[in-house]
Amino acid sequence: MTSDSAPAPPSGTPARRLRTDRGEFAVVDVPPADGVAARGTALLLPGYTGSKEDFAPVHTLLAARGYRTVAVDGRGQYQSDGPADDESVYAQAELARDVLAQAEALGTPVHLVGHSLGGQIARAAVLLDHSPFRSLTLVSSGPARISVSQEQRVKLLRDALAVMSMAECWEAILVMGPPEEVGGPARGAGGQEWLRSRWLGTRPAQLLATGRQLCDEPDRVAELAAVPLPFHVLSGERDDTWPVPDLDGMARRLRAHRTVVEGAEHSPAVDRPAPTADALAGFWDARRSG
């Protein structure tokens, strides 16, 4: 992989379209490894400014443990269709209904994993209907709104999108500094040219609507704790988006299994794929997936 290429999925697993009763979504769908008994399916939701490729480092590792993993671009993210200007279709409840449709199309029940913004959308889906899911794992996704420092970055991005095209906004981000530090895309597994391509593929209305959600999200942990599902809170040992002590507290309130991946920050699947995959598969194994 060159520095400007997209994260490569495992051999033979190009992106495809997942057909649901709420439209088609771009996914990377990786089956269990040859000769390994199938133990379950996991639906993986990426974070803000992210995409399905953010899970590329863990697919093969989870396939070796017997898990089919399906990483999805949400509505308006990268290679999934969505309107450029209509924010209403990106309301959290609408995105949550998309997740329920994706799970149904895969064949339920599935393990649900959401990273950052994806975790909050996953939570909303579970609160609408928990029956399609075996478990919920929240990866670097906190109990309520994002930290003040991250909120400032998201607001900076929203202000820029109000007066600039996506291409103009990208160029402005590069002038200002590293994208992840000035409101642009978070650091991912691909090079800068690929990150630019993903940025230009994402719909501005999606970024505006979901950015607002990150800044306004209420604490729904007590509501989630009442849902009869096993929970897993996974994070790196450092996180600027939600302080790690807040993630610890959320795990206690949920009576959740807790994993802290040493040496990882906000994107454990990218920073430390092997221990992240091991933690995910270990949690699923303990819940007798099959």
Protein backbone atom coordinates (compact mmCIF):
# COMPACT_ATOMS: atom_id res chain seq x y z
CA MET A 1 0.00 0.00 0.00
CA THR A 2 1.43 3.36 -0.97
CA SER A 3 1.06 6.40 1.23
CA ASP A 4 -1.72 7.74 -0.98
CA SER A 5 -3.75 4.54 -1.32
CA ALA A 6 -6.88 3.50 0.47
CA PRO A 7 -6.63 0.89 3.21
CA ALA A 8 -6.74 -2.44 1.38
CA PRO A 9 -9.46 -4.92 2.35
CA PRO A 10 -8.51 -8.59 2.52
CA SER A 11 -7.91 -10.22 -0.85
CA GLY A 12 -11.10 -10.95 -2.75
CA THR A 13 -13.34 -8.63 -0.75
CA PRO A 14 -13.90 -5.42 -2.72
CA ALA A 15 -16.56 -2.97 -1.63
CA ARG A 16 -20.06 -4.00 -2.65
CA ARG A 17 -23.60 -2.70 -2.27
CA LEU A 18 -25.82 -3.96 0.52
CA ARG A 19 -29.47 -3.77 -0.50
CA THR A 20 -31.92 -2.93 2.27
CA ASP A 21 -35.49 -1.72 2.50
CA ARG A 22 -34.03 1.78 3.09
CA GLY A 23 -31.79 1.80 0.05
CA GLU A 24 -28.31 0.56 -0.81
CA PHE A 25 -25.19 1.06 1.27
CA ALA A 26 -21.53 0.55 0.39
CA VAL A 27 -19.93 -2.16 2.52
CA VAL A 28 -16.81 -4.25 2.87
CA ASP A 29 -18.06 -7.74 3.73
CA VAL A 30 -15.41 -10.21 4.91
CA PRO A 31 -16.40 -13.84 5.64
CA PRO A 32 -14.77 -16.12 8.18
CA ALA A 33 -11.42 -17.52 7.10
CA ASP A 34 -11.35 -20.76 5.14
CA GLY A 35 -11.47 -23.75 7.41
CA VAL A 36 -12.64 -21.74 10.43
CA ALA A 37 -16.05 -22.45 11.93
CA ALA A 38 -18.43 -19.49 11.58
CA ARG A 39 -19.19 -17.92 14.95
CA GLY A 40 -21.30 -14.92 14.03
CA THR A 41 -21.63 -11.68 12.08
CA ALA A 42 -20.68 -8.16 13.15
CA LEU A 43 -21.94 -4.89 11.68
CA LEU A 44 -19.33 -2.11 12.00
CA LEU A 45 -20.28 1.60 11.91
CA PRO A 46 -17.57 4.25 11.34
CA GLY A 47 -17.23 7.64 12.97
CA TYR A 48 -17.54 11.27 11.95
CA THR A 49 -15.64 12.04 8.70
CA GLY A 50 -14.85 8.31 8.61
CA SER A 51 -15.80 5.39 6.40
CA LYS A 52 -15.92 1.60 6.22
CA GLU A 53 -12.18 1.54 5.45
CA ASP A 54 -11.40 2.54 9.04
CA PHE A 55 -11.99 -1.12 9.99
CA ALA A 56 -9.68 -2.53 7.30
CA PRO A 57 -6.91 -3.48 9.78
CA VAL A 58 -9.16 -5.81 11.82
CA HIS A 59 -11.13 -7.72 9.17
CA THR A 60 -8.61 -10.51 8.59
CA LEU A 61 -7.91 -10.87 12.30
CA LEU A 62 -11.61 -11.29 13.08
CA ALA A 63 -12.09 -13.63 10.12
CA ALA A 64 -9.43 -15.88 11.66
CA ARG A 65 -11.58 -16.05 14.80
CA GLY A 66 -14.64 -17.14 12.81
CA TYR A 67 -16.44 -13.83 12.43
CA ARG A 68 -17.96 -12.32 9.33
CA THR A 69 -17.44 -8.56 9.55
CA VAL A 70 -19.43 -6.05 7.52
CA ALA A 71 -18.19 -2.45 7.65
CA VAL A 72 -20.62 0.08 6.20
CA ASP A 73 -20.58 3.62 4.88
CA GLY A 74 -23.63 5.26 6.43
CA ARG A 75 -26.02 7.32 4.39
CA GLY A 76 -24.07 10.15 2.75
CA GLN A 77 -20.69 8.80 3.89
CA TYR A 78 -18.05 8.27 1.20
CA GLN A 79 -19.49 5.65 -1.20
CA SER A 80 -23.07 5.49 0.12
CA ASP A 81 -25.62 7.72 -1.57
CA GLY A 82 -27.35 10.61 0.14
CA PRO A 83 -28.49 14.16 -0.62
CA ALA A 84 -25.89 16.91 -0.55
CA ASP A 85 -28.12 19.61 0.92
CA ASP A 86 -31.02 18.00 2.82
CA GLU A 87 -29.99 17.53 6.44
CA SER A 88 -33.30 15.96 7.49
CA VAL A 89 -32.38 12.52 6.14
CA TYR A 90 -29.31 12.53 8.41
CA ALA A 91 -31.26 13.01 11.64
CA GLN A 92 -30.04 10.50 14.20
CA ALA A 93 -33.32 8.59 14.22
CA GLU A 94 -33.16 8.22 10.43
CA LEU A 95 -29.58 6.93 10.58
CA ALA A 96 -30.60 4.53 13.35
CA ARG A 97 -33.38 3.14 11.16
CA ASP A 98 -30.79 2.63 8.43
CA VAL A 99 -28.78 0.48 10.85
CA LEU A 100 -31.82 -1.64 11.67
CA ALA A 101 -32.39 -2.17 7.95
CA GLN A 102 -28.73 -3.09 7.42
CA ALA A 103 -28.89 -5.66 10.22
CA GLU A 104 -32.06 -7.15 8.77
CA ALA A 105 -30.45 -7.41 5.33
CA LEU A 106 -27.46 -9.26 6.79
CA GLY A 107 -29.62 -11.73 8.69
CA THR A 108 -30.10 -11.08 12.36
CA PRO A 109 -29.03 -11.25 15.08
CA VAL A 110 -25.67 -9.54 14.60
CA HIS A 111 -23.07 -8.04 16.89
CA LEU A 112 -23.19 -4.25 16.53
CA VAL A 113 -20.03 -2.13 16.77
CA GLY A 114 -19.98 1.66 16.53
CA HIS A 115 -16.90 3.86 16.51
CA SER A 116 -17.26 7.43 17.85
CA LEU A 117 -20.25 8.98 16.03
CA GLY A 118 -21.05 5.46 14.87
CA GLY A 119 -21.38 4.45 18.51
CA GLN A 120 -24.02 7.09 19.14
CA ILE A 121 -25.93 6.00 16.03
CA ALA A 122 -25.60 2.38 17.16
CA ARG A 123 -26.98 3.34 20.57
CA ALA A 124 -29.94 5.07 18.95
CA ALA A 125 -30.63 1.96 16.84
CA VAL A 126 -30.56 -0.31 19.89
CA LEU A 127 -32.92 2.02 21.74
CA LEU A 128 -35.35 1.85 18.82
CA ASP A 129 -35.21 -1.95 18.63
CA HIS A 130 -32.65 -4.18 20.30
CA SER A 131 -33.98 -7.45 18.88
CA PRO A 132 -31.73 -7.55 15.76
CA PHE A 133 -28.56 -7.52 17.88
CA ARG A 134 -26.54 -10.01 19.92
CA SER A 135 -24.44 -7.32 21.61
CA LEU A 136 -23.38 -3.69 21.39
CA THR A 137 -19.75 -2.52 21.44
CA LEU A 138 -19.09 1.21 21.74
CA VAL A 139 -15.60 2.07 20.50
CA SER A 140 -14.25 5.44 21.66
CA SER A 141 -17.83 6.67 21.91
CA GLY A 142 -18.94 8.45 25.04
CA PRO A 143 -22.06 8.98 27.10
CA ALA A 144 -23.10 12.37 25.74
CA ARG A 145 -21.72 15.34 23.80
CA ILE A 146 -18.08 15.52 22.74
CA SER A 147 -15.39 17.40 24.65
CA VAL A 148 -15.21 21.19 24.45
CA SER A 149 -12.01 21.09 22.40
CA GLN A 150 -13.52 18.72 19.85
CA GLU A 151 -16.76 20.69 19.79
CA GLN A 152 -14.75 23.75 18.78
CA ARG A 153 -13.18 21.82 15.91
CA VAL A 154 -16.55 20.52 14.71
CA LYS A 155 -18.03 24.03 14.83
CA LEU A 156 -15.05 25.33 12.86
CA LEU A 157 -15.75 22.74 10.20
CA ARG A 158 -19.46 23.53 10.14
CA ASP A 159 -18.72 27.24 9.73
CA ALA A 160 -16.39 26.51 6.83
CA LEU A 161 -18.92 24.26 5.11
CA ALA A 162 -21.50 27.03 5.30
CA VAL A 163 -19.45 29.23 2.94
CA MET A 164 -17.16 26.83 1.04
CA SER A 165 -17.44 23.84 -1.25
CA MET A 166 -16.06 20.53 -0.03
CA ALA A 167 -12.99 20.99 -2.26
CA GLU A 168 -12.39 24.53 -1.01
CA CYS A 169 -12.85 23.40 2.57
CA TRP A 170 -10.27 20.65 2.11
CA GLU A 171 -7.70 23.09 0.77
CA ALA A 172 -8.36 25.46 3.66
CA ILE A 173 -7.94 22.62 6.15
CA LEU A 174 -4.54 21.71 4.71
CA VAL A 175 -3.36 25.31 4.94
CA MET A 176 -4.43 25.56 8.58
CA GLY A 177 -2.68 22.45 9.82
CA PRO A 178 -3.00 18.68 10.19
CA PRO A 179 -6.62 17.86 9.26
CA GLU A 180 -7.40 16.07 12.54
CA GLU A 181 -6.31 19.15 14.52
CA VAL A 182 -8.29 21.80 12.67
CA GLY A 183 -11.71 20.22 12.25
CA GLY A 184 -10.96 18.06 9.23
CA PRO A 185 -10.99 14.28 8.82
CA ALA A 186 -9.57 12.22 11.64
CA ARG A 187 -6.34 10.37 11.04
CA GLY A 188 -7.12 7.11 9.27
CA ALA A 189 -5.40 4.16 7.65
CA GLY A 190 -5.09 5.73 4.18
CA GLY A 191 -2.80 8.35 2.70
CA GLN A 192 -3.61 12.01 2.17
CA GLU A 193 -4.83 11.67 -1.41
CA TRP A 194 -7.20 8.91 -0.43
CA LEU A 195 -8.41 10.94 2.56
CA ARG A 196 -9.13 13.79 0.15
CA SER A 197 -11.09 11.44 -2.13
CA ARG A 198 -13.14 10.19 0.81
CA TRP A 199 -13.73 13.76 1.98
CA LEU A 200 -15.00 14.81 -1.44
CA GLY A 201 -17.28 11.76 -1.57
CA THR A 202 -18.97 12.61 1.72
CA ARG A 203 -22.08 14.79 1.51
CA PRO A 204 -21.83 18.19 3.23
CA ALA A 205 -25.34 17.86 4.68
CA GLN A 206 -24.26 14.64 6.38
CA LEU A 207 -21.29 16.37 8.00
CA LEU A 208 -23.39 19.34 9.09
CA ALA A 209 -26.18 17.22 10.58
CA THR A 210 -23.99 14.67 12.33
CA GLY A 211 -21.57 17.34 13.56
CA ARG A 212 -24.49 19.04 15.24
CA GLN A 213 -25.49 15.73 16.82
CA LEU A 214 -22.02 15.27 18.30
CA CYS A 215 -22.23 18.70 19.90
CA ASP A 216 -25.79 18.27 21.22
CA GLU A 217 -26.05 14.57 22.16
CA PRO A 218 -27.74 14.06 25.54
CA ASP A 219 -26.73 11.46 28.10
CA ARG A 220 -28.83 8.36 27.36
CA VAL A 221 -26.79 5.86 29.36
CA ALA A 222 -29.55 5.09 31.88
CA GLU A 223 -31.95 4.44 29.03
CA LEU A 224 -29.46 2.14 27.33
CA ALA A 225 -28.68 0.30 30.57
CA ALA A 226 -32.30 -0.86 30.69
CA VAL A 227 -31.91 -2.71 27.38
CA PRO A 228 -31.31 -6.48 27.80
CA LEU A 229 -28.11 -6.73 25.76
CA PRO A 230 -24.47 -7.37 26.68
CA PHE A 231 -22.41 -4.19 26.35
CA HIS A 232 -18.73 -3.61 25.69
CA VAL A 233 -16.95 -0.26 26.02
CA LEU A 234 -13.63 -0.25 24.18
CA SER A 235 -11.19 2.63 23.83
CA GLY A 236 -7.55 3.58 23.63
CA GLU A 237 -5.69 4.71 26.70
CA ARG A 238 -5.90 8.34 25.51
CA ASP A 239 -8.82 10.12 23.86
CA ASP A 240 -9.41 13.80 23.10
CA THR A 241 -13.01 13.34 21.96
CA TRP A 242 -14.36 11.83 25.19
CA PRO A 243 -12.10 11.72 28.27
CA VAL A 244 -11.19 8.15 29.20
CA PRO A 245 -12.58 8.59 32.76
CA ASP A 246 -15.95 9.41 31.18
CA LEU A 247 -15.76 6.18 29.19
CA ASP A 248 -14.86 4.29 32.37
CA GLY A 249 -17.87 5.79 34.12
CA MET A 250 -20.19 4.94 31.25
CA ALA A 251 -18.99 1.33 31.33
CA ARG A 252 -19.78 1.10 35.04
CA ARG A 253 -23.24 2.54 34.53
CA LEU A 254 -23.91 0.02 31.75
CA ARG A 255 -22.35 -2.87 33.70
CA ALA A 256 -20.38 -3.32 30.51
CA HIS A 257 -17.26 -5.27 29.73
CA ARG A 258 -14.43 -2.71 29.54
CA THR A 259 -11.34 -2.82 27.33
CA VAL A 260 -8.58 -0.21 27.26
CA VAL A 261 -6.16 -0.84 24.38
CA GLU A 262 -2.66 0.18 25.41
CA GLY A 263 -0.84 2.41 22.96
CA ALA A 264 -4.06 3.40 21.16
CA GLU A 265 -5.89 6.71 21.02
CA HIS A 266 -9.25 7.56 19.44
CA SER A 267 -9.02 4.92 16.67
CA PRO A 268 -7.95 1.62 18.27
CA ALA A 269 -8.65 -0.43 15.13
CA VAL A 270 -6.10 1.70 13.26
CA ASP A 271 -3.63 2.30 16.09
CA ARG A 272 -3.49 -1.24 17.53
CA PRO A 273 -5.47 -3.63 15.33
CA ALA A 274 -4.33 -6.93 16.87
CA PRO A 275 -5.32 -6.23 20.51
CA THR A 276 -8.48 -4.47 19.32
CA ALA A 277 -9.57 -7.48 17.26
CA ASP A 278 -8.67 -9.82 20.11
CA ALA A 279 -10.81 -7.82 22.52
CA LEU A 280 -13.78 -7.77 20.14
CA ALA A 281 -13.62 -11.49 19.36
CA GLY A 282 -13.06 -12.39 23.00
CA PHE A 283 -16.14 -10.43 24.04
CA TRP A 284 -18.23 -12.06 21.32
CA ASP A 285 -16.90 -15.54 22.13
CA ALA A 286 -17.94 -15.12 25.74
CA ARG A 287 -21.50 -14.37 24.57
CA ARG A 288 -21.71 -17.76 22.84
CA SER A 289 -22.03 -16.36 19.32
CA GLY A 290 -22.50 -18.97 16.66
